[in-house]
PDB file of all heavy atoms in Angstrom:
ATOM      1  N   MET A   1       5.429 -21.486  16.009  1.00  0.00           N
ATOM      2  CA  MET A   1       4.217 -21.336  15.210  1.00  0.00           C
ATOM      3  C   MET A   1       3.822 -22.710  14.721  1.00  0.00           C
ATOM      4  O   MET A   1       4.657 -23.454  14.209  1.00  0.00           O
ATOM      5  CB  MET A   1       4.483 -20.403  14.021  1.00  0.00           C
ATOM      6  CG  MET A   1       3.256 -20.103  13.174  1.00  0.00           C
ATOM      7  SD  MET A   1       3.122 -21.132  11.715  1.00  0.00           S
ATOM      8  CE  MET A   1       4.530 -20.598  10.787  1.00  0.00           C
ATOM      9  N   HIS A   2       2.563 -23.075  14.933  1.00  0.00           N
ATOM     10  CA  HIS A   2       2.042 -24.335  14.430  1.00  0.00           C
ATOM     11  C   HIS A   2       1.231 -24.028  13.189  1.00  0.00           C
ATOM     12  O   HIS A   2       0.263 -23.277  13.249  1.00  0.00           O
ATOM     13  CB  HIS A   2       1.161 -25.016  15.493  1.00  0.00           C
ATOM     14  CG  HIS A   2       0.813 -26.417  15.134  1.00  0.00           C
ATOM     15  ND1 HIS A   2      -0.230 -26.717  14.301  1.00  0.00           N
ATOM     16  CD2 HIS A   2       1.388 -27.584  15.470  1.00  0.00           C
ATOM     17  CE1 HIS A   2      -0.303 -28.028  14.149  1.00  0.00           C
ATOM     18  NE2 HIS A   2       0.678 -28.574  14.844  1.00  0.00           N
ATOM     19  N   PRO A   3       1.623 -24.583  12.041  1.00  0.00           N
ATOM     20  CA  PRO A   3       0.908 -24.257  10.803  1.00  0.00           C
ATOM     21  C   PRO A   3      -0.530 -24.769  10.808  1.00  0.00           C
ATOM     22  O   PRO A   3      -0.819 -25.828  11.360  1.00  0.00           O
ATOM     23  CB  PRO A   3       1.729 -24.937   9.714  1.00  0.00           C
ATOM     24  CG  PRO A   3       2.569 -25.934  10.411  1.00  0.00           C
ATOM     25  CD  PRO A   3       2.710 -25.510  11.836  1.00  0.00           C
ATOM     26  N   LYS A   4      -1.420 -23.986  10.182  1.00  0.00           N
ATOM     27  CA  LYS A   4      -2.815 -24.417  10.022  1.00  0.00           C
ATOM     28  C   LYS A   4      -2.828 -25.559   9.016  1.00  0.00           C
ATOM     29  O   LYS A   4      -2.202 -25.472   7.974  1.00  0.00           O
ATOM     30  CB  LYS A   4      -3.680 -23.269   9.517  1.00  0.00           C
ATOM     31  CG  LYS A   4      -3.802 -22.124  10.495  1.00  0.00           C
ATOM     32  CD  LYS A   4      -4.577 -20.973   9.878  1.00  0.00           C
ATOM     33  CE  LYS A   4      -4.589 -19.795  10.830  1.00  0.00           C
ATOM     34  NZ  LYS A   4      -5.163 -18.602  10.229  1.00  0.00           N
ATOM     35  N   GLY A   5      -3.524 -26.632   9.333  1.00  0.00           N
ATOM     36  CA  GLY A   5      -3.570 -27.779   8.446  1.00  0.00           C
ATOM     37  C   GLY A   5      -2.443 -28.757   8.690  1.00  0.00           C
ATOM     38  O   GLY A   5      -2.212 -29.660   7.895  1.00  0.00           O
ATOM     39  N   GLY A   6      -1.700 -28.577   9.786  1.00  0.00           N
ATOM     40  CA  GLY A   6      -0.612 -29.503  10.099  1.00  0.00           C
ATOM     41  C   GLY A   6       0.608 -29.267   9.234  1.00  0.00           C
ATOM     42  O   GLY A   6       0.757 -28.223   8.610  1.00  0.00           O
ATOM     43  N   PHE A   7       1.471 -30.239   9.193  1.00  0.00           N
ATOM     44  CA  PHE A   7       2.717 -30.127   8.446  1.00  0.00           C
ATOM     45  C   PHE A   7       2.580 -30.831   7.101  1.00  0.00           C
ATOM     46  O   PHE A   7       3.047 -31.944   6.910  1.00  0.00           O
ATOM     47  CB  PHE A   7       3.870 -30.706   9.267  1.00  0.00           C
ATOM     48  CG  PHE A   7       4.157 -29.919  10.507  1.00  0.00           C
ATOM     49  CD1 PHE A   7       3.541 -30.230  11.712  1.00  0.00           C
ATOM     50  CD2 PHE A   7       5.033 -28.836  10.476  1.00  0.00           C
ATOM     51  CE1 PHE A   7       3.799 -29.488  12.858  1.00  0.00           C
ATOM     52  CE2 PHE A   7       5.289 -28.097  11.612  1.00  0.00           C
ATOM     53  CZ  PHE A   7       4.669 -28.424  12.808  1.00  0.00           C
ATOM     54  N   THR A   8       1.914 -30.163   6.168  1.00  0.00           N
ATOM     55  CA  THR A   8       1.710 -30.703   4.825  1.00  0.00           C
ATOM     56  C   THR A   8       2.055 -29.624   3.806  1.00  0.00           C
ATOM     57  O   THR A   8       2.270 -28.465   4.170  1.00  0.00           O
ATOM     58  CB  THR A   8       0.233 -31.121   4.608  1.00  0.00           C
ATOM     59  OG1 THR A   8      -0.584 -29.946   4.637  1.00  0.00           O
ATOM     60  CG2 THR A   8      -0.235 -32.111   5.674  1.00  0.00           C
ATOM     61  N   GLU A   9       2.070 -29.999   2.536  1.00  0.00           N
ATOM     62  CA  GLU A   9       2.353 -29.023   1.485  1.00  0.00           C
ATOM     63  C   GLU A   9       1.264 -27.965   1.388  1.00  0.00           C
ATOM     64  O   GLU A   9       1.496 -26.866   0.918  1.00  0.00           O
ATOM     65  CB  GLU A   9       2.518 -29.732   0.140  1.00  0.00           C
ATOM     66  CG  GLU A   9       3.790 -30.540   0.063  1.00  0.00           C
ATOM     67  CD  GLU A   9       3.971 -31.189  -1.297  1.00  0.00           C
ATOM     68  OE1 GLU A   9       3.346 -30.739  -2.281  1.00  0.00           O
ATOM     69  OE2 GLU A   9       4.743 -32.150  -1.367  1.00  0.00           O
ATOM     70  N   GLU A  10       0.042 -28.303   1.821  1.00  0.00           N
ATOM     71  CA  GLU A  10      -1.088 -27.372   1.739  1.00  0.00           C
ATOM     72  C   GLU A  10      -1.229 -26.501   2.986  1.00  0.00           C
ATOM     73  O   GLU A  10      -2.119 -25.664   3.070  1.00  0.00           O
ATOM     74  CB  GLU A  10      -2.406 -28.127   1.532  1.00  0.00           C
ATOM     75  CG  GLU A  10      -2.526 -28.823   0.184  1.00  0.00           C
ATOM     76  CD  GLU A  10      -1.775 -30.154   0.136  1.00  0.00           C
ATOM     77  OE1 GLU A  10      -1.759 -30.868   1.169  1.00  0.00           O
ATOM     78  OE2 GLU A  10      -1.191 -30.464  -0.901  1.00  0.00           O
ATOM     79  N   SER A  11      -0.375 -26.687   3.982  1.00  0.00           N
ATOM     80  CA  SER A  11      -0.528 -25.948   5.238  1.00  0.00           C
ATOM     81  C   SER A  11      -0.285 -24.460   5.031  1.00  0.00           C
ATOM     82  O   SER A  11       0.421 -24.040   4.117  1.00  0.00           O
ATOM     83  CB  SER A  11       0.407 -26.498   6.306  1.00  0.00           C
ATOM     84  OG  SER A  11       1.741 -26.312   5.932  1.00  0.00           O
ATOM     85  N   LYS A  12      -0.900 -23.662   5.890  1.00  0.00           N
ATOM     86  CA  LYS A  12      -0.775 -22.204   5.893  1.00  0.00           C
ATOM     87  C   LYS A  12      -0.150 -21.776   7.211  1.00  0.00           C
ATOM     88  O   LYS A  12      -0.273 -22.470   8.220  1.00  0.00           O
ATOM     89  CB  LYS A  12      -2.155 -21.547   5.737  1.00  0.00           C
ATOM     90  CG  LYS A  12      -2.906 -21.964   4.489  1.00  0.00           C
ATOM     91  CD  LYS A  12      -2.260 -21.378   3.259  1.00  0.00           C
ATOM     92  CE  LYS A  12      -3.068 -21.765   2.030  1.00  0.00           C
ATOM     93  NZ  LYS A  12      -2.268 -21.848   0.848  1.00  0.00           N
ATOM     94  N   PRO A  13       0.484 -20.590   7.228  1.00  0.00           N
ATOM     95  CA  PRO A  13       1.071 -20.129   8.493  1.00  0.00           C
ATOM     96  C   PRO A  13       0.017 -19.990   9.588  1.00  0.00           C
ATOM     97  O   PRO A  13      -1.116 -19.604   9.332  1.00  0.00           O
ATOM     98  CB  PRO A  13       1.646 -18.753   8.134  1.00  0.00           C
ATOM     99  CG  PRO A  13       1.827 -18.797   6.655  1.00  0.00           C
ATOM    100  CD  PRO A  13       0.731 -19.677   6.126  1.00  0.00           C
ATOM    101  N   GLY A  14       0.411 -20.331  10.800  1.00  0.00           N
ATOM    102  CA  GLY A  14      -0.464 -20.182  11.956  1.00  0.00           C
ATOM    103  C   GLY A  14      -0.107 -18.930  12.726  1.00  0.00           C
ATOM    104  O   GLY A  14       0.557 -18.025  12.209  1.00  0.00           O
ATOM    105  N   ILE A  15      -0.505 -18.877  13.973  1.00  0.00           N
ATOM    106  CA  ILE A  15      -0.257 -17.711  14.840  1.00  0.00           C
ATOM    107  C   ILE A  15       1.029 -17.942  15.619  1.00  0.00           C
ATOM    108  O   ILE A  15       1.236 -19.010  16.196  1.00  0.00           O
ATOM    109  CB  ILE A  15      -1.442 -17.520  15.813  1.00  0.00           C
ATOM    110  CG1 ILE A  15      -2.720 -17.242  15.021  1.00  0.00           C
ATOM    111  CG2 ILE A  15      -1.153 -16.398  16.794  1.00  0.00           C
ATOM    112  CD1 ILE A  15      -3.974 -17.266  15.874  1.00  0.00           C
ATOM    113  N   TRP A  16       1.890 -16.936  15.648  1.00  0.00           N
ATOM    114  CA  TRP A  16       3.121 -17.022  16.428  1.00  0.00           C
ATOM    115  C   TRP A  16       2.810 -16.885  17.913  1.00  0.00           C
ATOM    116  O   TRP A  16       1.991 -16.062  18.318  1.00  0.00           O
ATOM    117  CB  TRP A  16       4.098 -15.930  16.001  1.00  0.00           C
ATOM    118  CG  TRP A  16       4.750 -16.228  14.683  1.00  0.00           C
ATOM    119  CD1 TRP A  16       4.382 -15.740  13.470  1.00  0.00           C
ATOM    120  CD2 TRP A  16       5.866 -17.074  14.465  1.00  0.00           C
ATOM    121  NE1 TRP A  16       5.207 -16.240  12.500  1.00  0.00           N
ATOM    122  CE2 TRP A  16       6.132 -17.070  13.081  1.00  0.00           C
ATOM    123  CE3 TRP A  16       6.672 -17.859  15.288  1.00  0.00           C
ATOM    124  CZ2 TRP A  16       7.172 -17.795  12.504  1.00  0.00           C
ATOM    125  CZ3 TRP A  16       7.707 -18.578  14.715  1.00  0.00           C
ATOM    126  CH2 TRP A  16       7.946 -18.550  13.345  1.00  0.00           C
ATOM    127  N   ARG A  17       3.480 -17.677  18.722  1.00  0.00           N
ATOM    128  CA  ARG A  17       3.354 -17.652  20.185  1.00  0.00           C
ATOM    129  C   ARG A  17       4.754 -17.611  20.792  1.00  0.00           C
ATOM    130  O   ARG A  17       5.734 -17.945  20.143  1.00  0.00           O
ATOM    131  CB  ARG A  17       2.629 -18.907  20.694  1.00  0.00           C
ATOM    132  CG  ARG A  17       1.251 -19.110  20.110  1.00  0.00           C
ATOM    133  CD  ARG A  17       0.291 -18.088  20.619  1.00  0.00           C
ATOM    134  NE  ARG A  17      -1.077 -18.421  20.206  1.00  0.00           N
ATOM    135  CZ  ARG A  17      -2.042 -17.564  20.123  1.00  0.00           C
ATOM    136  NH1 ARG A  17      -1.823 -16.297  20.401  1.00  0.00           N
ATOM    137  NH2 ARG A  17      -3.240 -17.929  19.759  1.00  0.00           N
ATOM    138  N   GLU A  18       4.818 -17.217  22.070  1.00  0.00           N
ATOM    139  CA  GLU A  18       6.099 -17.155  22.776  1.00  0.00           C
ATOM    140  C   GLU A  18       6.108 -18.154  23.923  1.00  0.00           C
ATOM    141  O   GLU A  18       5.116 -18.316  24.625  1.00  0.00           O
ATOM    142  CB  GLU A  18       6.346 -15.739  23.308  1.00  0.00           C
ATOM    143  CG  GLU A  18       7.714 -15.597  23.936  1.00  0.00           C
ATOM    144  CD  GLU A  18       8.139 -14.160  24.158  1.00  0.00           C
ATOM    145  OE1 GLU A  18       7.291 -13.249  24.061  1.00  0.00           O
ATOM    146  OE2 GLU A  18       9.320 -13.949  24.432  1.00  0.00           O
ATOM    147  N   ILE A  19       7.240 -18.812  24.115  1.00  0.00           N
ATOM    148  CA  ILE A  19       7.400 -19.839  25.141  1.00  0.00           C
ATOM    149  C   ILE A  19       8.174 -19.257  26.323  1.00  0.00           C
ATOM    150  O   ILE A  19       9.178 -18.563  26.148  1.00  0.00           O
ATOM    151  CB  ILE A  19       8.180 -21.048  24.591  1.00  0.00           C
ATOM    152  CG1 ILE A  19       7.526 -21.580  23.310  1.00  0.00           C
ATOM    153  CG2 ILE A  19       8.306 -22.139  25.642  1.00  0.00           C
ATOM    154  CD1 ILE A  19       6.115 -22.070  23.475  1.00  0.00           C
ATOM    155  N   SER A  20       7.702 -19.573  27.538  1.00  0.00           N
ATOM    156  CA  SER A  20       8.380 -19.087  28.748  1.00  0.00           C
ATOM    157  C   SER A  20       9.371 -20.129  29.256  1.00  0.00           C
ATOM    158  O   SER A  20       9.422 -21.259  28.778  1.00  0.00           O
ATOM    159  CB  SER A  20       7.356 -18.770  29.837  1.00  0.00           C
ATOM    160  OG  SER A  20       6.866 -19.966  30.422  1.00  0.00           O
ATOM    161  N   VAL A  21      10.142 -19.731  30.257  1.00  0.00           N
ATOM    162  CA  VAL A  21      11.109 -20.619  30.893  1.00  0.00           C
ATOM    163  C   VAL A  21      10.433 -21.903  31.381  1.00  0.00           C
ATOM    164  O   VAL A  21      10.953 -22.999  31.224  1.00  0.00           O
ATOM    165  CB  VAL A  21      11.808 -19.897  32.070  1.00  0.00           C
ATOM    166  CG1 VAL A  21      12.616 -20.860  32.920  1.00  0.00           C
ATOM    167  CG2 VAL A  21      12.685 -18.772  31.545  1.00  0.00           C
ATOM    168  N   CYS A  22       9.240 -21.780  31.953  1.00  0.00           N
ATOM    169  CA  CYS A  22       8.519 -22.945  32.485  1.00  0.00           C
ATOM    170  C   CYS A  22       7.761 -23.713  31.405  1.00  0.00           C
ATOM    171  O   CYS A  22       7.085 -24.688  31.695  1.00  0.00           O
ATOM    172  CB  CYS A  22       7.560 -22.525  33.591  1.00  0.00           C
ATOM    173  SG  CYS A  22       8.407 -21.953  35.073  1.00  0.00           S
ATOM    174  N   GLY A  23       7.861 -23.271  30.145  1.00  0.00           N
ATOM    175  CA  GLY A  23       7.203 -23.966  29.051  1.00  0.00           C
ATOM    176  C   GLY A  23       5.781 -23.515  28.794  1.00  0.00           C
ATOM    177  O   GLY A  23       5.076 -24.119  27.991  1.00  0.00           O
ATOM    178  N   ASP A  24       5.337 -22.427  29.454  1.00  0.00           N
ATOM    179  CA  ASP A  24       3.995 -21.901  29.196  1.00  0.00           C
ATOM    180  C   ASP A  24       3.991 -21.157  27.857  1.00  0.00           C
ATOM    181  O   ASP A  24       5.031 -20.680  27.391  1.00  0.00           O
ATOM    182  CB  ASP A  24       3.554 -20.955  30.316  1.00  0.00           C
ATOM    183  CG  ASP A  24       3.261 -21.712  31.608  1.00  0.00           C
ATOM    184  OD1 ASP A  24       2.905 -22.901  31.547  1.00  0.00           O
ATOM    185  OD2 ASP A  24       3.396 -21.093  32.687  1.00  0.00           O
ATOM    186  N   VAL A  25       2.808 -21.045  27.261  1.00  0.00           N
ATOM    187  CA  VAL A  25       2.664 -20.415  25.947  1.00  0.00           C
ATOM    188  C   VAL A  25       1.912 -19.097  26.104  1.00  0.00           C
ATOM    189  O   VAL A  25       0.849 -19.050  26.734  1.00  0.00           O
ATOM    190  CB  VAL A  25       1.905 -21.357  24.981  1.00  0.00           C
ATOM    191  CG1 VAL A  25       1.766 -20.719  23.608  1.00  0.00           C
ATOM    192  CG2 VAL A  25       2.603 -22.704  24.882  1.00  0.00           C
ATOM    193  N   TYR A  26       2.443 -18.022  25.517  1.00  0.00           N
ATOM    194  CA  TYR A  26       1.885 -16.677  25.621  1.00  0.00           C
ATOM    195  C   TYR A  26       1.690 -16.077  24.235  1.00  0.00           C
ATOM    196  O   TYR A  26       2.374 -16.449  23.281  1.00  0.00           O
ATOM    197  CB  TYR A  26       2.829 -15.759  26.417  1.00  0.00           C
ATOM    198  CG  TYR A  26       2.909 -16.118  27.871  1.00  0.00           C
ATOM    199  CD1 TYR A  26       3.810 -17.067  28.330  1.00  0.00           C
ATOM    200  CD2 TYR A  26       2.065 -15.519  28.803  1.00  0.00           C
ATOM    201  CE1 TYR A  26       3.875 -17.417  29.674  1.00  0.00           C
ATOM    202  CE2 TYR A  26       2.122 -15.858  30.142  1.00  0.00           C
ATOM    203  CZ  TYR A  26       3.025 -16.809  30.567  1.00  0.00           C
ATOM    204  OH  TYR A  26       3.079 -17.148  31.893  1.00  0.00           O
ATOM    205  N   THR A  27       0.755 -15.105  24.144  1.00  0.00           N
ATOM    206  CA  THR A  27       0.669 -14.300  22.928  1.00  0.00           C
ATOM    207  C   THR A  27       1.950 -13.476  22.854  1.00  0.00           C
ATOM    208  O   THR A  27       2.665 -13.316  23.853  1.00  0.00           O
ATOM    209  CB  THR A  27      -0.555 -13.362  22.958  1.00  0.00           C
ATOM    210  OG1 THR A  27      -0.456 -12.493  24.092  1.00  0.00           O
ATOM    211  CG2 THR A  27      -1.864 -14.144  23.005  1.00  0.00           C
ATOM    212  N   LEU A  28       2.254 -12.933  21.679  1.00  0.00           N
ATOM    213  CA  LEU A  28       3.482 -12.164  21.519  1.00  0.00           C
ATOM    214  C   LEU A  28       3.445 -10.878  22.327  1.00  0.00           C
ATOM    215  O   LEU A  28       2.389 -10.270  22.502  1.00  0.00           O
ATOM    216  CB  LEU A  28       3.707 -11.823  20.043  1.00  0.00           C
ATOM    217  CG  LEU A  28       3.919 -13.010  19.112  1.00  0.00           C
ATOM    218  CD1 LEU A  28       4.220 -12.495  17.706  1.00  0.00           C
ATOM    219  CD2 LEU A  28       5.021 -13.925  19.599  1.00  0.00           C
ATOM    220  N   ARG A  29       4.618 -10.456  22.789  1.00  0.00           N
ATOM    221  CA  ARG A  29       4.755  -9.168  23.469  1.00  0.00           C
ATOM    222  C   ARG A  29       4.639  -8.047  22.447  1.00  0.00           C
ATOM    223  O   ARG A  29       4.742  -8.281  21.242  1.00  0.00           O
ATOM    224  CB  ARG A  29       6.127  -9.074  24.146  1.00  0.00           C
ATOM    225  CG  ARG A  29       6.311 -10.050  25.273  1.00  0.00           C
ATOM    226  CD  ARG A  29       7.676  -9.899  25.886  1.00  0.00           C
ATOM    227  NE  ARG A  29       8.623 -10.835  25.274  1.00  0.00           N
ATOM    228  CZ  ARG A  29       9.898 -10.928  25.604  1.00  0.00           C
ATOM    229  NH1 ARG A  29      10.410 -10.132  26.512  1.00  0.00           N
ATOM    230  NH2 ARG A  29      10.678 -11.796  25.003  1.00  0.00           N
ATOM    231  N   GLU A  30       4.450  -6.831  22.939  1.00  0.00           N
ATOM    232  CA  GLU A  30       4.343  -5.667  22.045  1.00  0.00           C
ATOM    233  C   GLU A  30       5.597  -5.534  21.184  1.00  0.00           C
ATOM    234  O   GLU A  30       5.535  -5.274  19.999  1.00  0.00           O
ATOM    235  CB  GLU A  30       4.107  -4.398  22.862  1.00  0.00           C
ATOM    236  CG  GLU A  30       3.724  -3.210  22.008  1.00  0.00           C
ATOM    237  CD  GLU A  30       3.269  -2.040  22.858  1.00  0.00           C
ATOM    238  OE1 GLU A  30       2.415  -2.238  23.748  1.00  0.00           O
ATOM    239  OE2 GLU A  30       3.759  -0.934  22.611  1.00  0.00           O
ATOM    240  N   THR A  31       6.758  -5.704  21.802  1.00  0.00           N
ATOM    241  CA  THR A  31       8.025  -5.797  21.072  1.00  0.00           C
ATOM    242  C   THR A  31       8.748  -7.019  21.617  1.00  0.00           C
ATOM    243  O   THR A  31       8.459  -7.474  22.731  1.00  0.00           O
ATOM    244  CB  THR A  31       8.916  -4.551  21.266  1.00  0.00           C
ATOM    245  OG1 THR A  31       9.267  -4.451  22.656  1.00  0.00           O
ATOM    246  CG2 THR A  31       8.210  -3.288  20.809  1.00  0.00           C
ATOM    247  N   ARG A  32       9.681  -7.543  20.859  1.00  0.00           N
ATOM    248  CA  ARG A  32      10.334  -8.791  21.277  1.00  0.00           C
ATOM    249  C   ARG A  32      11.065  -8.680  22.604  1.00  0.00           C
ATOM    250  O   ARG A  32      11.198  -9.663  23.315  1.00  0.00           O
ATOM    251  CB  ARG A  32      11.288  -9.260  20.183  1.00  0.00           C
ATOM    252  CG  ARG A  32      10.499  -9.823  19.020  1.00  0.00           C
ATOM    253  CD  ARG A  32      11.341 -10.377  17.938  1.00  0.00           C
ATOM    254  NE  ARG A  32      12.199 -11.462  18.368  1.00  0.00           N
ATOM    255  CZ  ARG A  32      13.176 -11.928  17.627  1.00  0.00           C
ATOM    256  NH1 ARG A  32      13.416 -11.413  16.449  1.00  0.00           N
ATOM    257  NH2 ARG A  32      13.928 -12.911  18.070  1.00  0.00           N
ATOM    258  N   SER A  33      11.547  -7.490  22.949  1.00  0.00           N
ATOM    259  CA  SER A  33      12.305  -7.351  24.190  1.00  0.00           C
ATOM    260  C   SER A  33      11.520  -6.632  25.291  1.00  0.00           C
ATOM    261  O   SER A  33      12.089  -6.251  26.308  1.00  0.00           O
ATOM    262  CB  SER A  33      13.621  -6.616  23.920  1.00  0.00           C
ATOM    263  OG  SER A  33      13.355  -5.346  23.380  1.00  0.00           O
TER     264      SER A  33
END
């Protein structure tokens, strides 16, 4: 997850993403498994 506003005291949580074996970025699966 990359925080909104960067890595500062004022930052807010961003959107969680999932990383694949090849390093691609995906939206989250319906369930983790």
